[in-house]
């Protein structure tokens, strides 16, 4: 039997092009990820923090 594949539907011709496009896209994402900066968020004044000592009562057994 002979192969009846349409030459226009053959993606093997474009395999290297698709690989290069994928590598360029991934490289772009990596550059953006490494250059991403975050702003330092400051926490507002929470007021006076009071430490409360809790005493636990031991049950005599």
Protein backbone atom coordinates (compact mmCIF):
# COMPACT_ATOMS: atom_id res chain seq x y z
CA UNK A 1 0.00 0.00 0.00
CA UNK A 2 1.16 3.45 -0.66
CA UNK A 3 0.98 6.31 1.81
CA UNK A 4 -1.77 8.80 0.98
CA UNK A 5 -0.65 11.69 3.13
CA UNK A 6 -1.22 15.22 1.97
CA UNK A 7 2.13 17.07 1.87
CA UNK A 8 0.44 20.24 3.16
CA UNK A 9 -0.77 18.40 6.28
CA UNK A 10 2.70 17.04 7.10
CA UNK A 11 3.94 18.83 10.23
CA UNK A 12 7.35 17.13 10.16
CA UNK A 13 8.53 19.85 7.78
CA UNK A 14 7.92 22.51 10.42
CA UNK A 15 9.17 20.61 13.48
CA UNK A 16 12.35 22.68 13.87
CA UNK A 17 10.40 25.93 13.46
CA UNK A 18 7.92 24.93 16.17
CA UNK A 19 10.78 23.92 18.47
CA UNK A 20 12.53 27.26 17.98
CA UNK A 21 9.32 29.21 18.58
CA UNK A 22 8.74 27.24 21.79
CA UNK A 23 12.27 27.91 23.01
CA UNK A 24 11.93 31.64 22.33
CA UNK A 25 8.61 31.78 24.21
CA UNK A 26 10.04 29.91 27.21
CA UNK A 27 13.14 32.14 27.21
CA UNK A 28 10.87 35.20 27.23
CA UNK A 29 8.89 33.84 30.19
CA UNK A 30 12.11 33.10 32.06
CA UNK A 31 13.44 36.63 31.49
CA UNK A 32 10.20 38.14 32.76
CA UNK A 33 10.19 35.81 35.79
CA UNK A 34 13.76 36.68 36.81
CA UNK A 35 13.27 40.41 36.32
CA UNK A 36 9.95 40.52 38.20
CA UNK A 37 10.18 42.77 41.23
CA UNK A 38 7.78 43.08 44.11
CA UNK A 39 7.12 46.17 46.14
CA UNK A 40 7.94 46.14 49.82
CA UNK A 41 4.64 46.35 51.67
CA UNK A 42 4.65 48.20 54.93
CA UNK A 43 2.40 47.15 57.76
CA UNK A 44 0.54 50.01 59.39
CA UNK A 45 0.69 50.72 63.10
CA UNK A 46 -1.13 47.95 64.92
CA UNK A 47 -1.21 49.77 68.22
CA UNK A 48 0.19 48.55 71.50
CA UNK A 49 0.70 44.81 71.71
CA UNK A 50 0.17 43.47 75.22
CA UNK A 51 1.49 40.05 76.13
CA UNK A 52 -1.04 38.15 78.23
CA UNK A 53 0.35 35.39 80.43
CA UNK A 54 -2.09 32.52 80.69
CA UNK A 55 -1.63 30.22 83.64
CA UNK A 56 -2.88 26.70 83.30
CA UNK A 57 -4.24 24.97 86.37
CA UNK A 58 -2.98 21.46 86.79
CA UNK A 59 -5.58 18.89 87.79
CA UNK A 60 -4.43 16.64 90.62
CA UNK A 61 -5.04 13.04 89.73
